[in-house]
Protein backbone atom coordinates (compact mmCIF):
# COMPACT_ATOMS: atom_id res chain seq x y z
CA MET A 1 17.79 25.19 26.27
CA GLU A 2 18.84 26.90 23.10
CA SER A 3 16.29 27.45 20.40
CA ALA A 4 16.50 25.43 17.23
CA GLU A 5 16.96 28.63 15.25
CA LYS A 6 19.96 29.69 17.38
CA ARG A 7 21.55 26.25 16.98
CA ARG A 8 20.98 26.44 13.21
CA HIS A 9 22.60 29.90 13.15
CA ASP A 10 25.59 28.63 15.14
CA LEU A 11 25.94 25.67 12.77
CA TYR A 12 25.78 28.00 9.78
CA ASN A 13 28.53 30.20 11.25
CA ALA A 14 30.78 27.21 12.00
CA VAL A 15 30.29 25.68 8.56
CA SER A 16 30.57 29.05 6.84
CA ASP A 17 34.06 29.53 8.33
CA ILE A 18 35.13 26.18 6.82
CA ILE A 19 33.42 26.02 3.39
CA GLY A 20 32.36 29.61 2.79
CA PRO A 21 29.05 31.44 3.14
CA GLU A 22 27.56 30.48 -0.24
CA GLN A 23 28.16 26.76 0.26
CA ALA A 24 27.02 27.00 3.89
CA THR A 25 23.76 28.60 2.74
CA THR A 26 23.26 25.79 0.21
CA LEU A 27 23.92 23.19 2.91
CA MET A 28 21.47 24.82 5.32
CA ASP A 29 18.82 24.81 2.58
CA TYR A 30 19.07 21.01 2.59
CA LEU A 31 18.81 20.82 6.40
CA PRO A 32 15.29 21.99 7.20
CA THR A 33 14.32 22.95 10.70
CA VAL A 34 12.78 20.01 12.55
CA THR A 35 10.99 20.62 15.79
CA ASN A 36 9.90 18.03 18.34
CA HIS A 37 6.27 18.19 17.24
CA HIS A 38 7.37 16.95 13.80
CA LEU A 39 8.88 13.77 15.24
CA SER A 40 6.88 10.58 15.64
CA THR A 41 6.81 8.59 18.85
CA THR A 42 7.17 4.85 19.27
CA ASP A 43 3.52 4.71 20.31
CA GLN A 44 2.49 6.43 17.08
CA PHE A 45 4.49 3.91 15.05
CA GLU A 46 2.92 1.05 17.00
CA LEU A 47 -0.56 2.46 16.34
CA LEU A 48 0.26 2.81 12.65
CA ARG A 49 1.57 -0.78 12.57
CA ARG A 50 -1.65 -2.08 14.13
CA GLU A 51 -3.83 -0.06 11.76
CA LEU A 52 -1.88 -1.31 8.74
CA SER A 53 -2.10 -4.88 10.00
CA GLU A 54 -5.87 -4.59 10.41
CA PHE A 55 -6.19 -3.02 6.97
CA ARG A 56 -4.10 -5.80 5.43
CA ALA A 57 -6.29 -8.46 7.09
CA GLU A 58 -9.43 -6.71 5.82
CA ILE A 59 -8.07 -6.51 2.27
CA ARG A 60 -7.05 -10.19 2.37
CA SER A 61 -10.52 -11.19 3.53
CA GLU A 62 -12.23 -9.12 0.85
CA THR A 63 -9.88 -10.40 -1.83
CA LYS A 64 -10.39 -14.00 -0.76
CA SER A 65 -14.19 -13.67 -0.89
CA GLU A 66 -14.06 -11.94 -4.29
CA PHE A 67 -11.81 -14.66 -5.71
CA GLN A 68 -14.18 -17.28 -4.33
CA ARG A 69 -17.13 -15.54 -5.96
CA VAL A 70 -15.31 -15.39 -9.32
CA ASN A 71 -14.26 -19.02 -8.93
CA ASP A 72 -17.88 -20.04 -8.31
CA ARG A 73 -19.01 -18.18 -11.43
CA ILE A 74 -16.31 -19.85 -13.53
CA ASP A 75 -17.39 -23.26 -12.20
CA ARG A 76 -21.04 -22.57 -13.07
CA LEU A 77 -20.07 -21.33 -16.52
CA PHE A 78 -17.91 -24.41 -17.11
CA TYR A 79 -20.71 -26.77 -16.09
CA ALA A 80 -23.15 -24.89 -18.31
CA LEU A 81 -20.77 -25.05 -21.27
CA VAL A 82 -20.17 -28.77 -20.74
CA SER A 83 -23.82 -29.66 -20.18
CA VAL A 84 -25.16 -27.96 -23.35
CA PRO A 85 -23.26 -30.24 -25.79
CA VAL A 86 -24.04 -33.30 -23.64
CA LEU A 87 -27.74 -32.46 -23.63
CA THR A 88 -27.64 -31.75 -27.36
CA VAL A 89 -26.07 -35.13 -28.08
CA GLY A 90 -28.63 -36.80 -25.81
CA LEU A 91 -31.54 -35.09 -27.56
CA ILE A 92 -30.19 -36.01 -30.99
CA ARG A 93 -29.90 -39.66 -29.95
CA LEU A 94 -33.40 -39.56 -28.48
CA VAL A 95 -34.85 -38.10 -31.68
CA GLU A 96 -32.93 -40.63 -33.80
CA SER A 97 -34.30 -43.53 -31.74
CA PHE A 98 -37.91 -42.74 -32.75
């Protein structure tokens, strides 16, 4: 099997004959050498998909619990804000009744 470098050189020569050496050099600059160890396998993509899915589920769970916690605090604050005026009115009426 030919080396990647030899195939790149052959491609450069073929393209250079058509568009000229300067343009062929520019084109080859945009076509970096890629070897097999740079390519990802289907199994690697499947692993990445599973990891991302697990991460997404974890983030959803954390977000849901945080929103619930904030919601609970807002509810408590609302009840506190509502109960203070009600208690104040009740105390005023109690004092006025004496």
